[in-house]
PDB file of N, CA and C in Angstrom:
ATOM      1  N   MET A   1     168.267 -56.222  90.480  1.00  0.00           N
ATOM      2  CA  MET A   1     167.375 -55.884  91.068  1.00  0.00           C
ATOM      3  C   MET A   1     166.802 -54.919  90.529  1.00  0.00           C
ATOM      4  N   ASP A   2     165.228 -54.835  90.927  1.00  0.00           N
ATOM      5  CA  ASP A   2     163.626 -54.055  90.452  1.00  0.00           C
ATOM      6  C   ASP A   2     164.291 -52.665  90.713  1.00  0.00           C
ATOM      7  N   MET A   3     164.106 -51.655  89.604  1.00  0.00           N
ATOM      8  CA  MET A   3     163.978 -50.220  89.864  1.00  0.00           C
ATOM      9  C   MET A   3     163.642 -49.935  90.760  1.00  0.00           C
ATOM     10  N   GLN A   4     161.567 -50.417  90.819  1.00  0.00           N
ATOM     11  CA  GLN A   4     160.741 -49.925  91.442  1.00  0.00           C
ATOM     12  C   GLN A   4     160.846 -50.167  93.032  1.00  0.00           C
ATOM     13  N   GLU A   5     161.919 -50.816  93.412  1.00  0.00           N
ATOM     14  CA  GLU A   5     161.936 -51.576  94.784  1.00  0.00           C
ATOM     15  C   GLU A   5     163.061 -50.363  95.384  1.00  0.00           C
ATOM     16  N   GLN A   6     164.217 -49.742  94.574  1.00  0.00           N
ATOM     17  CA  GLN A   6     164.947 -48.563  95.268  1.00  0.00           C
ATOM     18  C   GLN A   6     164.211 -47.149  95.035  1.00  0.00           C
ATOM     19  N   GLN A   7     163.733 -46.876  96.305  1.00  0.00           N
ATOM     20  CA  GLN A   7     163.749 -45.646  96.374  1.00  0.00           C
ATOM     21  C   GLN A   7     164.628 -44.271  96.482  1.00  0.00           C
ATOM     22  N   SER A   8     165.880 -44.715  96.512  1.00  0.00           N
ATOM     23  CA  SER A   8     166.792 -43.225  96.949  1.00  0.00           C
ATOM     24  C   SER A   8     167.948 -43.970  96.438  1.00  0.00           C
ATOM     25  N   ALA A   9     169.021 -43.495  95.920  1.00  0.00           N
ATOM     26  CA  ALA A   9     170.424 -43.054  95.737  1.00  0.00           C
ATOM     27  C   ALA A   9     171.070 -42.870  96.755  1.00  0.00           C
ATOM     28  N   HIS A  10     171.709 -43.689  97.531  1.00  0.00           N
ATOM     29  CA  HIS A  10     172.730 -43.822  98.562  1.00  0.00           C
ATOM     30  C   HIS A  10     173.898 -43.046  98.053  1.00  0.00           C
ATOM     31  N   PRO A  11     174.964 -42.052  98.795  1.00  0.00           N
ATOM     32  CA  PRO A  11     175.811 -41.026  98.477  1.00  0.00           C
ATOM     33  C   PRO A  11     176.876 -42.206  99.292  1.00  0.00           C
ATOM     34  N   LYS A  12     177.931 -42.407  97.743  1.00  0.00           N
ATOM     35  CA  LYS A  12     179.196 -43.512  98.503  1.00  0.00           C
ATOM     36  C   LYS A  12     180.281 -43.077  98.918  1.00  0.00           C
ATOM     37  N   SER A  13     180.152 -43.517 100.478  1.00  0.00           N
ATOM     38  CA  SER A  13     181.236 -43.396 101.362  1.00  0.00           C
ATOM     39  C   SER A  13     182.884 -43.478 100.460  1.00  0.00           C
ATOM     40  N   SER A  14     183.634 -42.708 101.100  1.00  0.00           N
ATOM     41  CA  SER A  14     184.815 -42.845 100.787  1.00  0.00           C
ATOM     42  C   SER A  14     185.677 -44.582 100.715  1.00  0.00           C
ATOM     43  N   SER A  15     184.997 -45.594 101.493  1.00  0.00           N
ATOM     44  CA  SER A  15     185.683 -46.682 101.305  1.00  0.00           C
ATOM     45  C   SER A  15     184.616 -47.957  99.925  1.00  0.00           C
ATOM     46  N   ASP A  16     183.779 -46.406  99.691  1.00  0.00           N
ATOM     47  CA  ASP A  16     183.557 -47.715  98.857  1.00  0.00           C
ATOM     48  C   ASP A  16     183.823 -47.482  97.127  1.00  0.00           C
ATOM     49  N   THR A  17     185.181 -46.568  97.523  1.00  0.00           N
ATOM     50  CA  THR A  17     185.551 -46.393  95.778  1.00  0.00           C
ATOM     51  C   THR A  17     186.711 -46.374  96.049  1.00  0.00           C
ATOM     52  N   GLN A  18     187.767 -46.793  94.989  1.00  0.00           N
ATOM     53  CA  GLN A  18     189.465 -47.054  94.987  1.00  0.00           C
ATOM     54  C   GLN A  18     189.643 -45.282  95.045  1.00  0.00           C
ATOM     55  N   PRO A  19     190.700 -45.272  95.466  1.00  0.00           N
ATOM     56  CA  PRO A  19     191.004 -43.868  95.541  1.00  0.00           C
ATOM     57  C   PRO A  19     191.432 -43.231  94.274  1.00  0.00           C
ATOM     58  N   CYS A  20     191.092 -42.129  93.753  1.00  0.00           N
ATOM     59  CA  CYS A  20     190.672 -41.634  91.908  1.00  0.00           C
ATOM     60  C   CYS A  20     192.164 -40.668  91.788  1.00  0.00           C
ATOM     61  N   ASP A  21     193.274 -40.968  91.057  1.00  0.00           N
ATOM     62  CA  ASP A  21     194.514 -40.115  91.090  1.00  0.00           C
ATOM     63  C   ASP A  21     193.715 -38.942  89.747  1.00  0.00           C
ATOM     64  N   ASP A  22     192.687 -39.230  89.365  1.00  0.00           N
ATOM     65  CA  ASP A  22     192.751 -38.713  88.124  1.00  0.00           C
ATOM     66  C   ASP A  22     191.391 -37.158  88.267  1.00  0.00           C
ATOM     67  N   GLU A  23     192.287 -36.336  87.993  1.00  0.00           N
ATOM     68  CA  GLU A  23     191.216 -34.437  88.215  1.00  0.00           C
ATOM     69  C   GLU A  23     190.105 -34.807  88.070  1.00  0.00           C
ATOM     70  N   VAL A  24     190.194 -35.005  86.394  1.00  0.00           N
ATOM     71  CA  VAL A  24     188.347 -34.859  85.711  1.00  0.00           C
ATOM     72  C   VAL A  24     187.390 -35.728  86.986  1.00  0.00           C
ATOM     73  N   LEU A  25     187.798 -36.840  86.732  1.00  0.00           N
ATOM     74  CA  LEU A  25     187.247 -38.177  86.855  1.00  0.00           C
ATOM     75  C   LEU A  25     186.731 -37.592  88.677  1.00  0.00           C
ATOM     76  N   ARG A  26     187.522 -36.981  90.218  1.00  0.00           N
ATOM     77  CA  ARG A  26     187.291 -36.737  90.732  1.00  0.00           C
ATOM     78  C   ARG A  26     185.991 -34.922  90.478  1.00  0.00           C
ATOM     79  N   VAL A  27     186.502 -34.240  89.776  1.00  0.00           N
ATOM     80  CA  VAL A  27     185.255 -33.406  89.724  1.00  0.00           C
ATOM     81  C   VAL A  27     184.150 -33.922  89.176  1.00  0.00           C
ATOM     82  N   VAL A  28     184.104 -34.537  88.145  1.00  0.00           N
ATOM     83  CA  VAL A  28     182.563 -35.485  87.518  1.00  0.00           C
ATOM     84  C   VAL A  28     182.050 -36.515  88.892  1.00  0.00           C
ATOM     85  N   TYR A  29     183.202 -36.834  89.957  1.00  0.00           N
ATOM     86  CA  TYR A  29     182.041 -37.657  90.759  1.00  0.00           C
ATOM     87  C   TYR A  29     181.659 -36.373  92.029  1.00  0.00           C
ATOM     88  N   ALA A  30     182.513 -35.438  91.752  1.00  0.00           N
ATOM     89  CA  ALA A  30     181.912 -34.388  93.111  1.00  0.00           C
ATOM     90  C   ALA A  30     180.807 -33.676  92.309  1.00  0.00           C
ATOM     91  N   THR A  31     180.520 -33.237  91.677  1.00  0.00           N
ATOM     92  CA  THR A  31     179.376 -33.039  90.559  1.00  0.00           C
ATOM     93  C   THR A  31     178.275 -33.586  90.507  1.00  0.00           C
ATOM     94  N   ARG A  32     178.565 -35.045  90.562  1.00  0.00           N
ATOM     95  CA  ARG A  32     177.078 -36.148  90.233  1.00  0.00           C
ATOM     96  C   ARG A  32     177.238 -36.541  91.479  1.00  0.00           C
ATOM     97  N   ASP A  33     177.292 -35.946  92.567  1.00  0.00           N
ATOM     98  CA  ASP A  33     177.199 -36.844  93.949  1.00  0.00           C
ATOM     99  C   ASP A  33     176.359 -35.026  94.436  1.00  0.00           C
ATOM    100  N   ASP A  34     177.098 -33.645  93.905  1.00  0.00           N
ATOM    101  CA  ASP A  34     176.322 -32.707  94.639  1.00  0.00           C
ATOM    102  C   ASP A  34     174.917 -32.275  93.957  1.00  0.00           C
ATOM    103  N   TYR A  35     174.716 -33.559  92.467  1.00  0.00           N
ATOM    104  CA  TYR A  35     173.086 -32.696  92.040  1.00  0.00           C
ATOM    105  C   TYR A  35     172.278 -34.106  92.337  1.00  0.00           C
ATOM    106  N   ALA A  36     172.634 -35.361  93.254  1.00  0.00           N
ATOM    107  CA  ALA A  36     171.873 -36.067  93.925  1.00  0.00           C
ATOM    108  C   ALA A  36     172.008 -35.899  95.010  1.00  0.00           C
ATOM    109  N   ALA A  37     172.792 -34.952  95.626  1.00  0.00           N
ATOM    110  CA  ALA A  37     172.285 -34.272  97.254  1.00  0.00           C
ATOM    111  C   ALA A  37     171.680 -33.060  96.746  1.00  0.00           C
ATOM    112  N   GLU A  38     171.392 -32.936  95.885  1.00  0.00           N
ATOM    113  CA  GLU A  38     170.341 -31.732  96.074  1.00  0.00           C
ATOM    114  C   GLU A  38     168.891 -31.864  95.753  1.00  0.00           C
ATOM    115  N   HIS A  39     168.599 -33.218  95.484  1.00  0.00           N
ATOM    116  CA  HIS A  39     167.643 -33.392  95.147  1.00  0.00           C
ATOM    117  C   HIS A  39     167.546 -35.104  96.378  1.00  0.00           C
ATOM    118  N   GLY A  40     168.178 -34.944  96.986  1.00  0.00           N
ATOM    119  CA  GLY A  40     167.994 -35.936  98.701  1.00  0.00           C
ATOM    120  C   GLY A  40     168.411 -37.202  98.435  1.00  0.00           C
ATOM    121  N   TYR A  41     169.483 -37.522  97.196  1.00  0.00           N
ATOM    122  CA  TYR A  41     169.518 -38.738  96.798  1.00  0.00           C
ATOM    123  C   TYR A  41     167.831 -39.644  95.823  1.00  0.00           C
ATOM    124  N   ASP A  42     166.755 -39.068  95.887  1.00  0.00           N
ATOM    125  CA  ASP A  42     165.606 -39.735  95.759  1.00  0.00           C
ATOM    126  C   ASP A  42     165.608 -39.731  94.343  1.00  0.00           C
ATOM    127  N   LEU A  43     165.966 -40.727  93.888  1.00  0.00           N
ATOM    128  CA  LEU A  43     165.915 -41.290  91.961  1.00  0.00           C
ATOM    129  C   LEU A  43     164.667 -40.497  91.031  1.00  0.00           C
ATOM    130  N   ASP A  44     163.203 -40.785  92.415  1.00  0.00           N
ATOM    131  CA  ASP A  44     162.364 -40.125  91.574  1.00  0.00           C
ATOM    132  C   ASP A  44     161.957 -38.811  91.555  1.00  0.00           C
ATOM    133  N   ARG A  45     162.443 -38.045  92.377  1.00  0.00           N
ATOM    134  CA  ARG A  45     163.216 -36.306  91.711  1.00  0.00           C
ATOM    135  C   ARG A  45     163.850 -36.211  90.830  1.00  0.00           C
ATOM    136  N   ILE A  46     165.777 -37.387  90.737  1.00  0.00           N
ATOM    137  CA  ILE A  46     166.508 -37.228  90.036  1.00  0.00           C
ATOM    138  C   ILE A  46     166.066 -36.829  88.728  1.00  0.00           C
ATOM    139  N   PHE A  47     164.792 -38.406  88.144  1.00  0.00           N
ATOM    140  CA  PHE A  47     164.420 -38.616  86.956  1.00  0.00           C
ATOM    141  C   PHE A  47     163.478 -37.700  86.538  1.00  0.00           C
ATOM    142  N   ALA A  48     162.455 -36.962  87.197  1.00  0.00           N
ATOM    143  CA  ALA A  48     161.897 -36.230  87.519  1.00  0.00           C
ATOM    144  C   ALA A  48     162.548 -34.946  86.838  1.00  0.00           C
ATOM    145  N   ASP A  49     163.353 -34.474  87.232  1.00  0.00           N
ATOM    146  CA  ASP A  49     164.613 -33.452  87.066  1.00  0.00           C
ATOM    147  C   ASP A  49     165.200 -33.392  85.710  1.00  0.00           C
ATOM    148  N   LEU A  50     165.756 -34.224  85.133  1.00  0.00           N
ATOM    149  CA  LEU A  50     166.258 -35.007  83.410  1.00  0.00           C
ATOM    150  C   LEU A  50     165.441 -34.688  83.201  1.00  0.00           C
ATOM    151  N   LYS A  51     164.573 -35.486  83.261  1.00  0.00           N
ATOM    152  CA  LYS A  51     162.966 -35.196  82.245  1.00  0.00           C
ATOM    153  C   LYS A  51     162.534 -34.212  81.859  1.00  0.00           C
ATOM    154  N   ARG A  52     162.606 -33.491  82.996  1.00  0.00           N
ATOM    155  CA  ARG A  52     162.112 -31.592  82.839  1.00  0.00           C
ATOM    156  C   ARG A  52     163.288 -31.058  81.655  1.00  0.00           C
ATOM    157  N   ARG A  53     164.590 -30.943  82.339  1.00  0.00           N
ATOM    158  CA  ARG A  53     165.566 -30.746  81.620  1.00  0.00           C
ATOM    159  C   ARG A  53     165.841 -30.810  80.329  1.00  0.00           C
ATOM    160  N   GLU A  54     165.472 -32.391  79.610  1.00  0.00           N
ATOM    161  CA  GLU A  54     165.526 -32.692  78.498  1.00  0.00           C
ATOM    162  C   GLU A  54     164.626 -32.170  77.422  1.00  0.00           C
ATOM    163  N   ALA A  55     163.542 -31.999  78.358  1.00  0.00           N
ATOM    164  CA  ALA A  55     161.868 -31.267  77.081  1.00  0.00           C
ATOM    165  C   ALA A  55     162.578 -29.847  77.087  1.00  0.00           C
ATOM    166  N   ASN A  56     163.286 -29.302  77.933  1.00  0.00           N
ATOM    167  CA  ASN A  56     163.042 -27.926  77.709  1.00  0.00           C
ATOM    168  C   ASN A  56     164.156 -27.215  77.019  1.00  0.00           C
ATOM    169  N   THR A  57     165.923 -28.420  76.611  1.00  0.00           N
ATOM    170  CA  THR A  57     166.259 -28.584  75.810  1.00  0.00           C
ATOM    171  C   THR A  57     166.685 -27.714  74.620  1.00  0.00           C
ATOM    172  N   LEU A  58     167.488 -27.068  73.981  1.00  0.00           N
ATOM    173  CA  LEU A  58     167.422 -27.091  72.614  1.00  0.00           C
ATOM    174  C   LEU A  58     167.997 -27.580  71.353  1.00  0.00           C
ATOM    175  N   LEU A  59     168.505 -28.548  72.067  1.00  0.00           N
ATOM    176  CA  LEU A  59     169.370 -29.278  71.459  1.00  0.00           C
ATOM    177  C   LEU A  59     168.697 -30.537  70.352  1.00  0.00           C
ATOM    178  N   ARG A  60     168.965 -30.871  69.334  1.00  0.00           N
ATOM    179  CA  ARG A  60     168.008 -31.406  68.410  1.00  0.00           C
ATOM    180  C   ARG A  60     168.074 -32.643  69.056  1.00  0.00           C
ATOM    181  N   LYS A  61     167.354 -33.336  68.925  1.00  0.00           N
ATOM    182  CA  LYS A  61     166.699 -35.221  69.449  1.00  0.00           C
ATOM    183  C   LYS A  61     166.522 -36.214  68.483  1.00  0.00           C
ATOM    184  N   SER A  62     167.194 -37.241  68.855  1.00  0.00           N
ATOM    185  CA  SER A  62     167.846 -38.148  67.744  1.00  0.00           C
ATOM    186  C   SER A  62     166.285 -39.273  67.985  1.00  0.00           C
ATOM    187  N   SER A  63     166.144 -39.217  66.691  1.00  0.00           N
ATOM    188  CA  SER A  63     164.478 -40.429  66.838  1.00  0.00           C
ATOM    189  C   SER A  63     165.248 -41.644  65.674  1.00  0.00           C
ATOM    190  N   ASN A  64     164.065 -42.142  65.809  1.00  0.00           N
ATOM    191  CA  ASN A  64     164.434 -43.712  64.619  1.00  0.00           C
ATOM    192  C   ASN A  64     164.441 -43.178  63.060  1.00  0.00           C
ATOM    193  N   GLU A  65     163.286 -42.286  62.960  1.00  0.00           N
ATOM    194  CA  GLU A  65     162.810 -41.838  61.766  1.00  0.00           C
ATOM    195  C   GLU A  65     164.582 -40.729  60.939  1.00  0.00           C
ATOM    196  N   ASP A  66     165.354 -39.874  61.930  1.00  0.00           N
ATOM    197  CA  ASP A  66     166.311 -38.988  61.267  1.00  0.00           C
ATOM    198  C   ASP A  66     167.175 -40.796  60.921  1.00  0.00           C
ATOM    199  N   SER A  67     167.442 -41.356  61.712  1.00  0.00           N
ATOM    200  CA  SER A  67     168.935 -42.297  61.369  1.00  0.00           C
ATOM    201  C   SER A  67     168.156 -43.272  60.297  1.00  0.00           C
ATOM    202  N   LEU A  68     166.366 -43.585  60.086  1.00  0.00           N
ATOM    203  CA  LEU A  68     166.648 -44.260  59.080  1.00  0.00           C
ATOM    204  C   LEU A  68     166.570 -43.529  57.062  1.00  0.00           C
ATOM    205  N   GLN A  69     166.212 -42.086  57.920  1.00  0.00           N
ATOM    206  CA  GLN A  69     166.621 -41.003  56.973  1.00  0.00           C
ATOM    207  C   GLN A  69     167.536 -40.763  56.168  1.00  0.00           C
ATOM    208  N   GLY A  70     168.620 -40.920  56.984  1.00  0.00           N
ATOM    209  CA  GLY A  70     170.126 -40.458  56.851  1.00  0.00           C
ATOM    210  C   GLY A  70     171.090 -40.791  55.991  1.00  0.00           C
TER     211      GLY A  70
END
């Protein structure tokens, strides 16, 4: 599937997933769904927000030069 064709990420219904017995995964899935909902399940908005966060992070970024010098 071409990513350009998909304009939004659809929320998963309870019938789309297997019941999850792992509390950690339930929290991860709920957090992921909340984040997507904040952006209207719009992949372009989600991508733009992630890129904005990435640009503003203080975390060290990896590059090919770093791995070649190590």
